[in-house]
Amino acid sequence: MQRACITGGAGFIGSNLADRLRSDGVEVVIVDDLSTGRLDFVRELLTDPGATLHQGDVLDQRVLERAFEGCDWVFHLQANADVRHGLEHPRVDLEQNTIATATVLEAMRAVGVSKIAFSSTGSVYGEPDIFPTPEDAPFPIQTSLYAASKLAGEGMIGAYTHGFGFTGLVFRFVSILGERYTHGHVFDFYCALKRDPTRLRVLGNGRQEKSYLYVKDCVEAMMTAAHAHEDRAGELGVYNLGTDETVVVDDSIAIICEQMGVEPVLEHTGGTRGWPGDSPLILLDCERIRSIGWAPTVSIREAILRTLRWFDANPGIWNASAASEARVA
C-alpha cells in the first residue's frame, strides 16, 4: 500500500487510522466536510507533505474522484453515526450512509481504484439469538435505521466485488473507545457528570451489556485485514471487530465515577433498552480476524480509562459539547 484515501479522515477512528498509515510510510488523502470531524485531529498530520485534506461532501462524486486519484485503497469511514436519534431524521442515514457509499463506489470505479475497506457495525445483527455472534449469523429484523443503512452499504460493496472485481473489506465494529472519541455512552456520561456530579440519568435499566474496542486495536485490525487481502481481487472479506469482553452499563459508570472521583445518584429511566435500536447485549465472535494474526491488546476497563484521561487533557472537547447542549436547551 503506497497511497490511501480515508473518507471521514478527520473523525475519531479516521484520524487515528490516518496517523497509523502515515507512520507506515503510506501517503494519506483525507476527505472530510468537517461537520463532525475536527481539523484539530489532523492539523499536525497535515504539516507532513505526505498527507493532504480535501474538504468536501462524500455525496459529491467529483470531490471523491479528485481525492481517489492514484490511491491503492479507500477506507470509507464517513457516516452518520447518530443511532439514537435516527428515527427523528430517517433520510439522514439513507443519504449519509447508503447513498454516500454508492457514490464512493462509483467514484472509485471512475478513476480505477478497486480496493475498499468499509466501516459497518455490529448493529446489523439486530438482536441475535447467538452469542458471541459470528459473521455468518442469520440477520433478524433490523432494529435501527443506522444498521439498515450500513447493511445496504455492505450489499453494494459485495455486488461491486462480484461485478467489477473489487477487493472489499467490511468491518462490523462494536463501540470504539480511545483518544479523540467524541460521542457515545462514555462521552455522554462524562459530560453529564462534569455538569452535575451529584446525579446521573441513565437510559434504560443500566443492565445493558456492551462490548468496546480500543481505537488503536481497531486500526491494527483494519491494517491486518488490508494486508491479508492485498491481492484478493473479486473477494469480499467480512470481519467482526471487538473483544471477548463485555461490560454492563452500570459497571462502566462505576469505572467512570471512580476515575472522576464522584458519587452520583443514578436515575434509571427503565426498560431493557435505552432507545429503539439499543441492543440489550452486544458480543461479537472475532475468531475470523484473530485467525489472520490480530488480537486486541487493551481491556475494556483500560480503554475507558484512556478515554477519560484524554478528556481530562482536552477540556475543550467536552466544554464545547456542554455549550452546544445549553444552546439547544
Protein backbone atom coordinates (compact mmCIF):
# COMPACT_ATOMS: atom_id res chain seq x y z
CA MET A 1 0.00 0.00 0.00
CA GLN A 2 1.51 3.30 -1.12
CA ARG A 3 -1.39 5.78 -1.16
CA ALA A 4 -4.74 5.56 0.63
CA CYS A 5 -7.78 7.80 0.98
CA ILE A 6 -9.86 7.96 4.15
CA THR A 7 -13.36 9.36 3.97
CA GLY A 8 -14.19 10.82 7.36
CA GLY A 9 -10.45 11.02 7.96
CA ALA A 10 -10.73 13.94 10.38
CA GLY A 11 -13.05 11.98 12.65
CA PHE A 12 -12.35 9.77 15.64
CA ILE A 13 -11.37 6.49 14.00
CA GLY A 14 -10.36 8.08 10.70
CA SER A 15 -7.76 10.41 12.20
CA ASN A 16 -6.22 7.58 14.22
CA LEU A 17 -6.07 5.47 11.06
CA ALA A 18 -4.52 8.39 9.15
CA ASP A 19 -1.76 8.69 11.74
CA ARG A 20 -1.08 4.96 11.55
CA LEU A 21 -0.95 4.87 7.75
CA ARG A 22 1.41 7.83 7.58
CA SER A 23 3.68 6.30 10.21
CA ASP A 24 3.90 3.25 7.92
CA GLY A 25 5.04 5.47 5.05
CA VAL A 26 1.70 5.45 3.22
CA GLU A 27 0.61 8.69 1.54
CA VAL A 28 -2.69 9.73 3.10
CA VAL A 29 -5.54 11.64 1.48
CA ILE A 30 -8.36 12.72 3.79
CA VAL A 31 -11.87 13.57 2.63
CA ASP A 32 -13.98 15.27 5.29
CA ASP A 33 -16.52 18.10 5.31
CA LEU A 34 -15.56 18.83 8.95
CA SER A 35 -19.20 18.84 10.05
CA THR A 36 -18.38 16.29 12.75
CA GLY A 37 -14.71 15.65 12.01
CA ARG A 38 -12.28 18.06 13.65
CA LEU A 39 -9.42 19.87 11.99
CA ASP A 40 -7.58 19.71 15.32
CA PHE A 41 -7.36 15.93 14.98
CA VAL A 42 -5.35 16.15 11.74
CA ARG A 43 -3.70 19.57 11.99
CA GLU A 44 -0.30 18.18 12.93
CA LEU A 45 -0.55 15.39 10.35
CA LEU A 46 -1.25 17.92 7.59
CA THR A 47 2.11 19.60 8.18
CA ASP A 48 3.57 16.44 6.60
CA PRO A 49 3.78 16.69 2.77
CA GLY A 50 2.64 13.06 2.63
CA ALA A 51 -0.83 13.97 3.95
CA THR A 52 -3.50 16.11 2.27
CA LEU A 53 -7.06 17.14 3.03
CA HIS A 54 -9.92 17.50 0.55
CA GLN A 55 -12.64 19.36 2.41
CA GLY A 56 -15.87 18.31 0.80
CA ASP A 57 -19.01 16.19 0.87
CA VAL A 58 -18.86 12.46 0.16
CA LEU A 59 -22.08 12.88 -1.82
CA ASP A 60 -20.08 14.95 -4.34
CA GLN A 61 -18.58 12.43 -6.75
CA ARG A 62 -16.23 14.99 -8.32
CA VAL A 63 -14.64 15.71 -4.94
CA LEU A 64 -14.17 11.99 -4.40
CA GLU A 65 -12.68 11.35 -7.82
CA ARG A 66 -10.04 14.02 -7.26
CA ALA A 67 -9.21 12.57 -3.86
CA PHE A 68 -9.12 8.93 -5.03
CA GLU A 69 -6.82 9.54 -8.00
CA GLY A 70 -3.70 7.40 -7.64
CA CYS A 71 -4.86 5.62 -4.46
CA ASP A 72 -4.40 1.92 -3.76
CA TRP A 73 -7.12 1.73 -1.09
CA VAL A 74 -10.15 3.71 0.01
CA PHE A 75 -11.06 3.42 3.69
CA HIS A 76 -14.69 4.54 3.74
CA LEU A 77 -15.31 5.57 7.35
CA GLN A 78 -17.52 8.63 6.86
CA ALA A 79 -21.04 8.06 8.17
CA ASN A 80 -23.86 9.46 10.21
CA ALA A 81 -23.39 7.55 13.46
CA ASP A 82 -26.26 9.05 15.46
CA VAL A 83 -28.08 5.78 16.13
CA ARG A 84 -30.16 7.13 18.99
CA HIS A 85 -31.89 9.90 17.02
CA GLY A 86 -32.13 8.09 13.70
CA LEU A 87 -35.93 7.81 13.75
CA GLU A 88 -36.23 11.59 14.08
CA HIS A 89 -34.47 12.16 10.74
CA PRO A 90 -34.96 8.99 8.69
CA ARG A 91 -33.46 10.30 5.46
CA VAL A 92 -30.10 11.18 7.05
CA ASP A 93 -28.98 7.56 7.36
CA LEU A 94 -30.10 6.83 3.81
CA GLU A 95 -28.16 9.77 2.38
CA GLN A 96 -25.07 9.82 4.58
CA ASN A 97 -24.58 6.06 4.85
CA THR A 98 -26.21 4.26 1.92
CA ILE A 99 -26.17 6.81 -0.92
CA ALA A 100 -22.75 8.06 0.19
CA THR A 101 -21.37 4.52 -0.07
CA ALA A 102 -22.82 4.16 -3.57
CA THR A 103 -21.19 7.46 -4.53
CA VAL A 104 -17.84 6.32 -3.13
CA LEU A 105 -18.00 3.10 -5.14
CA GLU A 106 -18.84 4.90 -8.37
CA ALA A 107 -16.06 7.46 -7.84
CA MET A 108 -13.62 4.58 -7.30
CA ARG A 109 -14.75 2.88 -10.48
CA ALA A 110 -14.42 6.12 -12.43
CA VAL A 111 -10.74 6.55 -11.54
CA GLY A 112 -9.74 2.88 -11.45
CA VAL A 113 -9.40 2.29 -7.70
CA SER A 114 -10.68 -1.15 -6.71
CA LYS A 115 -9.85 -1.78 -3.04
CA ILE A 116 -12.29 -0.59 -0.39
CA ALA A 117 -12.47 -1.06 3.37
CA PHE A 118 -15.84 -0.16 4.88
CA SER A 119 -16.81 0.66 8.45
CA SER A 120 -20.03 -1.21 9.12
CA THR A 121 -21.42 -2.05 12.56
CA GLY A 122 -22.20 -4.96 14.83
CA SER A 123 -25.70 -3.48 14.98
CA VAL A 124 -26.50 -5.19 11.66
CA TYR A 125 -27.13 -8.35 13.74
CA GLY A 126 -30.09 -6.63 15.40
CA GLU A 127 -30.95 -8.68 18.48
CA PRO A 128 -29.46 -12.09 17.58
CA ASP A 129 -30.03 -15.45 19.21
CA ILE A 130 -26.35 -16.47 19.03
CA PHE A 131 -23.67 -15.08 21.38
CA PRO A 132 -20.88 -14.47 20.67
CA THR A 133 -22.36 -13.56 17.28
CA PRO A 134 -20.37 -14.79 14.24
CA GLU A 135 -20.22 -13.13 10.82
CA ASP A 136 -22.44 -15.82 9.28
CA ALA A 137 -25.22 -15.48 11.85
CA PRO A 138 -28.66 -15.07 10.27
CA PHE A 139 -29.85 -11.48 10.19
CA PRO A 140 -33.01 -10.82 12.19
CA ILE A 141 -35.24 -7.79 11.67
CA GLN A 142 -33.11 -4.66 11.61
CA THR A 143 -33.68 -2.60 14.75
CA SER A 144 -32.21 0.76 13.68
CA LEU A 145 -32.11 2.83 10.52
CA TYR A 146 -28.37 3.21 11.06
CA ALA A 147 -27.79 -0.55 10.92
CA ALA A 148 -30.15 -0.97 7.97
CA SER A 149 -28.30 1.72 6.02
CA LYS A 150 -24.94 0.10 6.81
CA LEU A 151 -26.21 -3.32 5.74
CA ALA A 152 -27.29 -1.80 2.43
CA GLY A 153 -23.76 -0.44 2.02
CA GLU A 154 -22.35 -3.89 2.70
CA GLY A 155 -24.61 -5.30 -0.01
CA MET A 156 -23.42 -2.80 -2.59
CA ILE A 157 -19.78 -3.47 -1.81
CA GLY A 158 -20.43 -7.19 -2.23
CA ALA A 159 -22.05 -6.53 -5.60
CA TYR A 160 -19.06 -4.44 -6.74
CA THR A 161 -16.64 -7.19 -5.73
CA HIS A 162 -18.66 -9.70 -7.72
CA GLY A 163 -19.49 -7.48 -10.69
CA PHE A 164 -16.41 -5.30 -11.07
CA GLY A 165 -13.67 -7.36 -9.43
CA PHE A 166 -13.26 -5.05 -6.44
CA THR A 167 -11.47 -6.13 -3.28
CA GLY A 168 -13.92 -5.44 -0.45
CA LEU A 169 -13.44 -5.44 3.30
CA VAL A 170 -16.37 -4.96 5.68
CA PHE A 171 -15.65 -4.28 9.35
CA ARG A 172 -18.51 -4.79 11.79
CA PHE A 173 -17.39 -2.77 14.80
CA VAL A 174 -18.51 -2.86 18.37
CA SER A 175 -18.37 0.58 20.02
CA ILE A 176 -14.88 2.08 19.82
CA LEU A 177 -13.15 3.98 22.63
CA GLY A 178 -9.92 5.91 22.96
CA GLU A 179 -8.21 9.16 22.12
CA ARG A 180 -10.37 11.57 20.03
CA TYR A 181 -13.60 9.80 20.97
CA THR A 182 -16.36 12.42 20.99
CA HIS A 183 -19.73 10.65 21.04
CA GLY A 184 -21.35 7.69 22.73
CA HIS A 185 -22.07 6.38 26.22
CA VAL A 186 -18.77 7.21 27.88
CA PHE A 187 -18.64 10.72 26.42
CA ASP A 188 -22.24 11.43 27.39
CA PHE A 189 -21.74 10.21 30.97
CA TYR A 190 -18.51 12.18 31.38
CA CYS A 191 -20.10 15.41 30.11
CA ALA A 192 -23.18 14.92 32.28
CA LEU A 193 -21.06 14.37 35.39
CA LYS A 194 -18.97 17.43 34.64
CA ARG A 195 -22.17 19.46 34.56
CA ASP A 196 -23.66 17.86 37.69
CA PRO A 197 -21.59 15.32 39.65
CA THR A 198 -24.42 14.61 42.10
CA ARG A 199 -26.83 12.79 39.76
CA LEU A 200 -26.73 10.88 36.50
CA ARG A 201 -29.66 10.00 34.27
CA VAL A 202 -29.20 6.56 32.69
CA LEU A 203 -31.35 5.47 29.75
CA GLY A 204 -32.82 2.01 30.30
CA ASN A 205 -32.25 -0.15 33.37
CA GLY A 206 -28.45 0.10 33.36
CA ARG A 207 -28.11 -3.65 32.76
CA GLN A 208 -27.49 -3.37 29.02
CA GLU A 209 -24.29 -5.25 28.23
CA LYS A 210 -21.85 -3.62 25.80
CA SER A 211 -18.61 -4.60 24.13
CA TYR A 212 -15.98 -1.95 23.43
CA LEU A 213 -12.72 -1.94 21.47
CA TYR A 214 -9.77 0.42 21.90
CA VAL A 215 -9.27 2.59 18.81
CA LYS A 216 -5.64 1.64 18.19
CA ASP A 217 -6.59 -2.04 18.37
CA CYS A 218 -9.35 -1.28 15.88
CA VAL A 219 -6.89 0.40 13.50
CA GLU A 220 -4.47 -2.51 13.84
CA ALA A 221 -7.25 -4.93 12.92
CA MET A 222 -8.09 -2.95 9.80
CA MET A 223 -4.45 -2.86 8.74
CA THR A 224 -4.07 -6.60 9.36
CA ALA A 225 -7.06 -7.37 7.13
CA ALA A 226 -5.97 -4.94 4.40
CA HIS A 227 -2.54 -6.57 4.17
CA ALA A 228 -4.11 -10.03 4.09
CA HIS A 229 -6.43 -9.06 1.21
CA GLU A 230 -3.96 -7.01 -0.81
CA ASP A 231 -4.03 -9.40 -3.78
CA ARG A 232 -7.53 -10.86 -3.47
CA ALA A 233 -9.44 -9.17 -6.29
CA GLY A 234 -13.09 -10.10 -6.53
CA GLU A 235 -13.31 -11.15 -2.89
CA LEU A 236 -15.35 -9.77 -0.02
CA GLY A 237 -13.94 -10.18 3.47
CA VAL A 238 -16.32 -9.59 6.38
CA TYR A 239 -14.81 -9.22 9.85
CA ASN A 240 -16.25 -8.63 13.28
CA LEU A 241 -14.03 -6.30 15.31
CA GLY A 242 -14.37 -6.47 19.07
CA THR A 243 -13.07 -8.13 22.20
CA ASP A 244 -14.11 -11.23 24.12
CA GLU A 245 -15.32 -8.97 26.95
CA THR A 246 -18.46 -7.06 27.72
CA VAL A 247 -19.27 -4.53 30.39
CA VAL A 248 -22.66 -3.77 31.96
CA VAL A 249 -23.61 -0.10 31.59
CA ASP A 250 -23.84 0.48 35.35
CA ASP A 251 -20.41 -1.11 35.79
CA SER A 252 -18.92 1.18 33.15
CA ILE A 253 -20.46 4.09 35.04
CA ALA A 254 -18.73 2.87 38.19
CA ILE A 255 -15.37 2.95 36.39
CA ILE A 256 -16.07 6.49 35.16
CA CYS A 257 -17.18 7.71 38.58
CA GLU A 258 -14.15 6.17 40.30
CA GLN A 259 -11.80 7.87 37.84
CA MET A 260 -13.60 11.21 38.18
CA GLY A 261 -13.89 10.98 41.96
CA VAL A 262 -17.68 11.44 42.05
CA GLU A 263 -20.56 9.52 43.64
CA PRO A 264 -23.77 10.47 41.81
CA VAL A 265 -27.24 9.10 42.40
CA LEU A 266 -28.17 7.04 39.34
CA GLU A 267 -31.62 7.72 37.90
CA HIS A 268 -32.61 4.90 35.52
CA THR A 269 -35.38 5.58 33.01
CA GLY A 270 -36.34 1.88 32.98
CA GLY A 271 -36.74 -0.85 30.38
CA THR A 272 -34.16 -3.12 28.78
CA ARG A 273 -33.26 -0.60 26.06
CA GLY A 274 -32.12 2.99 26.23
CA TRP A 275 -33.93 3.81 22.95
CA PRO A 276 -35.38 1.94 19.96
CA GLY A 277 -32.44 0.14 18.33
CA ASP A 278 -30.35 -0.03 21.51
CA SER A 279 -29.41 -3.71 21.78
CA PRO A 280 -29.51 -5.12 25.33
CA LEU A 281 -26.45 -7.29 24.59
CA ILE A 282 -23.67 -6.93 22.02
CA LEU A 283 -20.92 -9.56 21.95
CA LEU A 284 -19.27 -10.49 18.64
CA ASP A 285 -17.35 -13.62 17.71
CA CYS A 286 -13.99 -12.30 16.46
CA GLU A 287 -12.28 -15.59 15.65
CA ARG A 288 -12.14 -14.77 11.93
CA ILE A 289 -9.99 -11.64 12.39
CA ARG A 290 -7.93 -13.44 15.05
CA SER A 291 -7.22 -16.25 12.56
CA ILE A 292 -5.23 -13.88 10.33
CA GLY A 293 -2.98 -12.69 13.14
CA TRP A 294 -4.79 -9.95 15.08
CA ALA A 295 -5.74 -9.81 18.74
CA PRO A 296 -6.80 -6.90 20.98
CA THR A 297 -4.21 -5.64 23.44
CA VAL A 298 -6.26 -3.32 25.66
CA SER A 299 -9.07 -4.36 28.03
CA ILE A 300 -12.41 -2.56 28.14
CA ARG A 301 -11.58 -1.10 31.54
CA GLU A 302 -8.27 0.28 30.31
CA ALA A 303 -9.91 1.61 27.13
CA ILE A 304 -12.43 3.53 29.27
CA LEU A 305 -9.65 4.91 31.46
CA ARG A 306 -7.55 6.01 28.49
CA THR A 307 -10.59 7.75 27.04
CA LEU A 308 -11.27 9.59 30.30
CA ARG A 309 -7.63 10.68 30.57
CA TRP A 310 -7.86 12.08 27.06
CA PHE A 311 -11.00 14.02 28.04
CA ASP A 312 -9.16 15.45 31.04
CA ALA A 313 -6.28 16.52 28.81
CA ASN A 314 -8.61 18.07 26.21
CA PRO A 315 -11.29 20.00 28.12
CA GLY A 316 -12.28 21.93 25.01
CA ILE A 317 -13.94 18.78 23.65
CA TRP A 318 -16.46 18.31 26.45
CA ASN A 319 -16.79 22.05 27.15
CA ALA A 320 -17.91 22.55 23.54
CA SER A 321 -20.46 19.75 23.93
CA ALA A 322 -21.84 21.28 27.13
CA ALA A 323 -22.13 24.71 25.48
CA SER A 324 -23.93 23.19 22.49
CA GLU A 325 -26.44 21.38 24.71
CA ALA A 326 -27.07 24.57 26.65
CA ARG A 327 -27.89 26.42 23.41
CA VAL A 328 -30.26 23.66 22.30
CA ALA A 329 -31.98 23.62 25.69
